[in-house]
Amino acid sequence: MDGNFITRTLREATFHPDFAKGLNNFEKTFTDLIHKKTIIYSGQTLPYINNTSIINYRDC
């Protein structure tokens, strides 16, 4: 697989769209370097939001 993965891990139980701001800004700066973005947190696994997977740490 080409590219890199960027992950943000949080201790929050409720997802908030602001969690992805840093990942999105990083992707804008380094567009060619990012293959997949993931947020890992203690809430429920959600569908992709803005090309970012949002998963519960137990689902990893």
PDB file of N, CA and C in Angstrom:
ATOM      1  N   MET A   1       0.835  -1.176   0.000  1.00  0.00           N
ATOM      2  CA  MET A   1       0.000   0.000   0.000  1.00  0.00           C
ATOM      3  C   MET A   1       0.880   1.239   0.000  1.00  0.00           C
ATOM      4  N   ASP A   2       0.617   2.166  -0.871  1.00  0.00           N
ATOM      5  CA  ASP A   2       1.374   3.408  -0.923  1.00  0.00           C
ATOM      6  C   ASP A   2       0.788   4.416   0.044  1.00  0.00           C
ATOM      7  N   GLY A   3       1.601   5.317   0.509  1.00  0.00           N
ATOM      8  CA  GLY A   3       1.129   6.374   1.392  1.00  0.00           C
ATOM      9  C   GLY A   3       1.297   6.019   2.854  1.00  0.00           C
ATOM     10  N   ASN A   4       0.868   6.921   3.694  1.00  0.00           N
ATOM     11  CA  ASN A   4       0.994   6.758   5.133  1.00  0.00           C
ATOM     12  C   ASN A   4      -0.364   6.851   5.790  1.00  0.00           C
ATOM     13  N   PHE A   5      -0.397   6.423   7.028  1.00  0.00           N
ATOM     14  CA  PHE A   5      -1.609   6.492   7.826  1.00  0.00           C
ATOM     15  C   PHE A   5      -1.397   7.524   8.919  1.00  0.00           C
ATOM     16  N   ILE A   6      -2.437   8.288   9.203  1.00  0.00           N
ATOM     17  CA  ILE A   6      -2.375   9.244  10.302  1.00  0.00           C
ATOM     18  C   ILE A   6      -3.535   8.925  11.242  1.00  0.00           C
ATOM     19  N   THR A   7      -3.223   8.859  12.521  1.00  0.00           N
ATOM     20  CA  THR A   7      -4.209   8.448  13.509  1.00  0.00           C
ATOM     21  C   THR A   7      -4.221   9.436  14.663  1.00  0.00           C
ATOM     22  N   ARG A   8      -5.401   9.707  15.162  1.00  0.00           N
ATOM     23  CA  ARG A   8      -5.544  10.508  16.373  1.00  0.00           C
ATOM     24  C   ARG A   8      -6.284   9.645  17.384  1.00  0.00           C
ATOM     25  N   THR A   9      -5.734   9.522  18.582  1.00  0.00           N
ATOM     26  CA  THR A   9      -6.340   8.714  19.630  1.00  0.00           C
ATOM     27  C   THR A   9      -6.834   9.639  20.736  1.00  0.00           C
ATOM     28  N   LEU A  10      -8.082   9.429  21.154  1.00  0.00           N
ATOM     29  CA  LEU A  10      -8.716  10.281  22.165  1.00  0.00           C
ATOM     30  C   LEU A  10      -9.325   9.442  23.271  1.00  0.00           C
ATOM     31  N   ARG A  11      -9.491  10.032  24.433  1.00  0.00           N
ATOM     32  CA  ARG A  11     -10.141   9.359  25.545  1.00  0.00           C
ATOM     33  C   ARG A  11     -11.604   9.758  25.669  1.00  0.00           C
ATOM     34  N   GLU A  12     -12.132  10.418  24.685  1.00  0.00           N
ATOM     35  CA  GLU A  12     -13.511  10.901  24.706  1.00  0.00           C
ATOM     36  C   GLU A  12     -14.492   9.778  24.377  1.00  0.00           C
ATOM     37  N   ALA A  13     -15.708   9.857  24.922  1.00  0.00           N
ATOM     38  CA  ALA A  13     -16.751   8.873  24.637  1.00  0.00           C
ATOM     39  C   ALA A  13     -17.751   9.381  23.607  1.00  0.00           C
ATOM     40  N   THR A  14     -17.756  10.678  23.355  1.00  0.00           N
ATOM     41  CA  THR A  14     -18.677  11.282  22.395  1.00  0.00           C
ATOM     42  C   THR A  14     -17.869  11.932  21.286  1.00  0.00           C
ATOM     43  N   PHE A  15     -18.214  11.587  20.028  1.00  0.00           N
ATOM     44  CA  PHE A  15     -17.488  12.154  18.900  1.00  0.00           C
ATOM     45  C   PHE A  15     -17.928  13.583  18.644  1.00  0.00           C
ATOM     46  N   HIS A  16     -16.978  14.423  18.307  1.00  0.00           N
ATOM     47  CA  HIS A  16     -17.246  15.793  17.905  1.00  0.00           C
ATOM     48  C   HIS A  16     -16.446  16.063  16.636  1.00  0.00           C
ATOM     49  N   PRO A  17     -17.048  16.691  15.626  1.00  0.00           N
ATOM     50  CA  PRO A  17     -16.341  16.939  14.360  1.00  0.00           C
ATOM     51  C   PRO A  17     -15.008  17.681  14.515  1.00  0.00           C
ATOM     52  N   ASP A  18     -14.851  18.446  15.578  1.00  0.00           N
ATOM     53  CA  ASP A  18     -13.584  19.160  15.792  1.00  0.00           C
ATOM     54  C   ASP A  18     -12.407  18.205  15.978  1.00  0.00           C
ATOM     55  N   PHE A  19     -12.687  16.955  16.340  1.00  0.00           N
ATOM     56  CA  PHE A  19     -11.618  15.976  16.513  1.00  0.00           C
ATOM     57  C   PHE A  19     -10.824  15.792  15.218  1.00  0.00           C
ATOM     58  N   ALA A  20     -11.464  15.989  14.084  1.00  0.00           N
ATOM     59  CA  ALA A  20     -10.831  15.755  12.792  1.00  0.00           C
ATOM     60  C   ALA A  20     -10.117  16.990  12.231  1.00  0.00           C
ATOM     61  N   LYS A  21     -10.249  18.139  12.871  1.00  0.00           N
ATOM     62  CA  LYS A  21      -9.658  19.370  12.336  1.00  0.00           C
ATOM     63  C   LYS A  21      -8.157  19.240  12.092  1.00  0.00           C
ATOM     64  N   GLY A  22      -7.436  18.743  13.071  1.00  0.00           N
ATOM     65  CA  GLY A  22      -5.988  18.607  12.932  1.00  0.00           C
ATOM     66  C   GLY A  22      -5.606  17.647  11.819  1.00  0.00           C
ATOM     67  N   LEU A  23      -6.329  16.527  11.731  1.00  0.00           N
ATOM     68  CA  LEU A  23      -6.060  15.556  10.671  1.00  0.00           C
ATOM     69  C   LEU A  23      -6.332  16.165   9.302  1.00  0.00           C
ATOM     70  N   ASN A  24      -7.431  16.897   9.184  1.00  0.00           N
ATOM     71  CA  ASN A  24      -7.778  17.523   7.908  1.00  0.00           C
ATOM     72  C   ASN A  24      -6.764  18.587   7.511  1.00  0.00           C
ATOM     73  N   ASN A  25      -6.302  19.379   8.469  1.00  0.00           N
ATOM     74  CA  ASN A  25      -5.294  20.394   8.185  1.00  0.00           C
ATOM     75  C   ASN A  25      -3.979  19.742   7.759  1.00  0.00           C
ATOM     76  N   PHE A  26      -3.608  18.665   8.428  1.00  0.00           N
ATOM     77  CA  PHE A  26      -2.397  17.945   8.072  1.00  0.00           C
ATOM     78  C   PHE A  26      -2.504  17.406   6.653  1.00  0.00           C
ATOM     79  N   GLU A  27      -3.670  16.853   6.316  1.00  0.00           N
ATOM     80  CA  GLU A  27      -3.881  16.298   4.983  1.00  0.00           C
ATOM     81  C   GLU A  27      -3.805  17.390   3.910  1.00  0.00           C
ATOM     82  N   LYS A  28      -4.332  18.575   4.202  1.00  0.00           N
ATOM     83  CA  LYS A  28      -4.263  19.681   3.240  1.00  0.00           C
ATOM     84  C   LYS A  28      -2.813  20.091   2.972  1.00  0.00           C
ATOM     85  N   THR A  29      -1.995  20.038   4.012  1.00  0.00           N
ATOM     86  CA  THR A  29      -0.600  20.428   3.885  1.00  0.00           C
ATOM     87  C   THR A  29       0.231  19.355   3.186  1.00  0.00           C
ATOM     88  N   PHE A  30      -0.057  18.084   3.488  1.00  0.00           N
ATOM     89  CA  PHE A  30       0.727  16.970   2.966  1.00  0.00           C
ATOM     90  C   PHE A  30      -0.162  16.014   2.176  1.00  0.00           C
ATOM     91  N   THR A  31      -0.862  16.543   1.192  1.00  0.00           N
ATOM     92  CA  THR A  31      -1.853  15.799   0.422  1.00  0.00           C
ATOM     93  C   THR A  31      -1.328  14.492  -0.138  1.00  0.00           C
ATOM     94  N   ASP A  32      -0.160  14.493  -0.700  1.00  0.00           N
ATOM     95  CA  ASP A  32       0.375  13.299  -1.346  1.00  0.00           C
ATOM     96  C   ASP A  32       0.890  12.250  -0.362  1.00  0.00           C
ATOM     97  N   LEU A  33       1.026  12.600   0.904  1.00  0.00           N
ATOM     98  CA  LEU A  33       1.606  11.680   1.879  1.00  0.00           C
ATOM     99  C   LEU A  33       0.585  10.821   2.614  1.00  0.00           C
ATOM    100  N   ILE A  34      -0.671  11.248   2.625  1.00  0.00           N
ATOM    101  CA  ILE A  34      -1.675  10.578   3.455  1.00  0.00           C
ATOM    102  C   ILE A  34      -2.453   9.562   2.642  1.00  0.00           C
ATOM    103  N   HIS A  35      -2.522   8.350   3.150  1.00  0.00           N
ATOM    104  CA  HIS A  35      -3.304   7.288   2.517  1.00  0.00           C
ATOM    105  C   HIS A  35      -4.643   7.113   3.232  1.00  0.00           C
ATOM    106  N   LYS A  36      -4.629   7.166   4.562  1.00  0.00           N
ATOM    107  CA  LYS A  36      -5.842   6.934   5.337  1.00  0.00           C
ATOM    108  C   LYS A  36      -5.764   7.692   6.654  1.00  0.00           C
ATOM    109  N   LYS A  37      -6.916   8.278   7.070  1.00  0.00           N
ATOM    110  CA  LYS A  37      -7.003   8.984   8.348  1.00  0.00           C
ATOM    111  C   LYS A  37      -7.941   8.197   9.266  1.00  0.00           C
ATOM    112  N   THR A  38      -7.568   8.098  10.542  1.00  0.00           N
ATOM    113  CA  THR A  38      -8.373   7.364  11.508  1.00  0.00           C
ATOM    114  C   THR A  38      -8.394   8.101  12.839  1.00  0.00           C
ATOM    115  N   ILE A  39      -9.571   8.166  13.444  1.00  0.00           N
ATOM    116  CA  ILE A  39      -9.720   8.657  14.815  1.00  0.00           C
ATOM    117  C   ILE A  39     -10.134   7.453  15.654  1.00  0.00           C
ATOM    118  N   ILE A  40      -9.383   7.200  16.714  1.00  0.00           N
ATOM    119  CA  ILE A  40      -9.696   6.105  17.629  1.00  0.00           C
ATOM    120  C   ILE A  40     -10.118   6.740  18.947  1.00  0.00           C
ATOM    121  N   TYR A  41     -11.294   6.355  19.417  1.00  0.00           N
ATOM    122  CA  TYR A  41     -11.800   6.943  20.668  1.00  0.00           C
ATOM    123  C   TYR A  41     -12.649   5.917  21.396  1.00  0.00           C
ATOM    124  N   SER A  42     -13.221   6.267  22.540  1.00  0.00           N
ATOM    125  CA  SER A  42     -13.952   5.288  23.346  1.00  0.00           C
ATOM    126  C   SER A  42     -15.455   5.277  23.083  1.00  0.00           C
ATOM    127  N   GLY A  43     -15.912   6.018  22.092  1.00  0.00           N
ATOM    128  CA  GLY A  43     -17.326   6.014  21.725  1.00  0.00           C
ATOM    129  C   GLY A  43     -17.617   4.963  20.666  1.00  0.00           C
ATOM    130  N   GLN A  44     -18.817   5.015  20.107  1.00  0.00           N
ATOM    131  CA  GLN A  44     -19.215   4.010  19.118  1.00  0.00           C
ATOM    132  C   GLN A  44     -18.537   4.243  17.775  1.00  0.00           C
ATOM    133  N   THR A  45     -18.287   3.137  17.057  1.00  0.00           N
ATOM    134  CA  THR A  45     -17.722   3.227  15.720  1.00  0.00           C
ATOM    135  C   THR A  45     -18.751   3.873  14.805  1.00  0.00           C
ATOM    136  N   LEU A  46     -18.302   4.818  13.989  1.00  0.00           N
ATOM    137  CA  LEU A  46     -19.190   5.581  13.118  1.00  0.00           C
ATOM    138  C   LEU A  46     -18.792   5.369  11.660  1.00  0.00           C
ATOM    139  N   PRO A  47     -19.687   5.722  10.734  1.00  0.00           N
ATOM    140  CA  PRO A  47     -19.309   5.681   9.313  1.00  0.00           C
ATOM    141  C   PRO A  47     -18.214   6.714   9.034  1.00  0.00           C
ATOM    142  N   TYR A  48     -17.552   6.562   7.903  1.00  0.00           N
ATOM    143  CA  TYR A  48     -16.528   7.531   7.508  1.00  0.00           C
ATOM    144  C   TYR A  48     -17.119   8.931   7.465  1.00  0.00           C
ATOM    145  N   ILE A  49     -16.344   9.900   7.940  1.00  0.00           N
ATOM    146  CA  ILE A  49     -16.709  11.311   7.859  1.00  0.00           C
ATOM    147  C   ILE A  49     -15.531  12.025   7.224  1.00  0.00           C
ATOM    148  N   ASN A  50     -15.758  12.668   6.081  1.00  0.00           N
ATOM    149  CA  ASN A  50     -14.692  13.384   5.351  1.00  0.00           C
ATOM    150  C   ASN A  50     -13.466  12.506   5.131  1.00  0.00           C
ATOM    151  N   ASN A  51     -13.710  11.288   4.672  1.00  0.00           N
ATOM    152  CA  ASN A  51     -12.623  10.353   4.366  1.00  0.00           C
ATOM    153  C   ASN A  51     -11.800   9.984   5.606  1.00  0.00           C
ATOM    154  N   THR A  52     -12.406  10.027   6.773  1.00  0.00           N
ATOM    155  CA  THR A  52     -11.758   9.676   8.025  1.00  0.00           C
ATOM    156  C   THR A  52     -12.555   8.561   8.692  1.00  0.00           C
ATOM    157  N   SER A  53     -11.891   7.468   9.051  1.00  0.00           N
ATOM    158  CA  SER A  53     -12.601   6.416   9.761  1.00  0.00           C
ATOM    159  C   SER A  53     -12.603   6.772  11.251  1.00  0.00           C
ATOM    160  N   ILE A  54     -13.724   6.494  11.896  1.00  0.00           N
ATOM    161  CA  ILE A  54     -13.915   6.823  13.307  1.00  0.00           C
ATOM    162  C   ILE A  54     -14.304   5.535  14.007  1.00  0.00           C
ATOM    163  N   ILE A  55     -13.375   5.012  14.815  1.00  0.00           N
ATOM    164  CA  ILE A  55     -13.604   3.697  15.408  1.00  0.00           C
ATOM    165  C   ILE A  55     -13.396   3.692  16.917  1.00  0.00           C
ATOM    166  N   ASN A  56     -14.091   2.777  17.568  1.00  0.00           N
ATOM    167  CA  ASN A  56     -13.903   2.545  18.991  1.00  0.00           C
ATOM    168  C   ASN A  56     -12.614   1.766  19.177  1.00  0.00           C
ATOM    169  N   TYR A  57     -11.894   2.061  20.238  1.00  0.00           N
ATOM    170  CA  TYR A  57     -10.603   1.399  20.457  1.00  0.00           C
ATOM    171  C   TYR A  57     -10.746  -0.113  20.603  1.00  0.00           C
ATOM    172  N   ARG A  58     -11.919  -0.580  21.005  1.00  0.00           N
ATOM    173  CA  ARG A  58     -12.131  -2.028  21.151  1.00  0.00           C
ATOM    174  C   ARG A  58     -12.297  -2.712  19.785  1.00  0.00           C
ATOM    175  N   ASP A  59     -12.608  -1.932  18.759  1.00  0.00           N
ATOM    176  CA  ASP A  59     -12.792  -2.475  17.402  1.00  0.00           C
ATOM    177  C   ASP A  59     -11.488  -2.507  16.614  1.00  0.00           C
ATOM    178  N   CYS A  60     -10.402  -2.057  17.198  1.00  0.00           N
ATOM    179  CA  CYS A  60      -9.115  -2.020  16.479  1.00  0.00           C
ATOM    180  C   CYS A  60      -8.557  -3.416  16.288  1.00  0.00           C
TER     181      CYS A  60
END
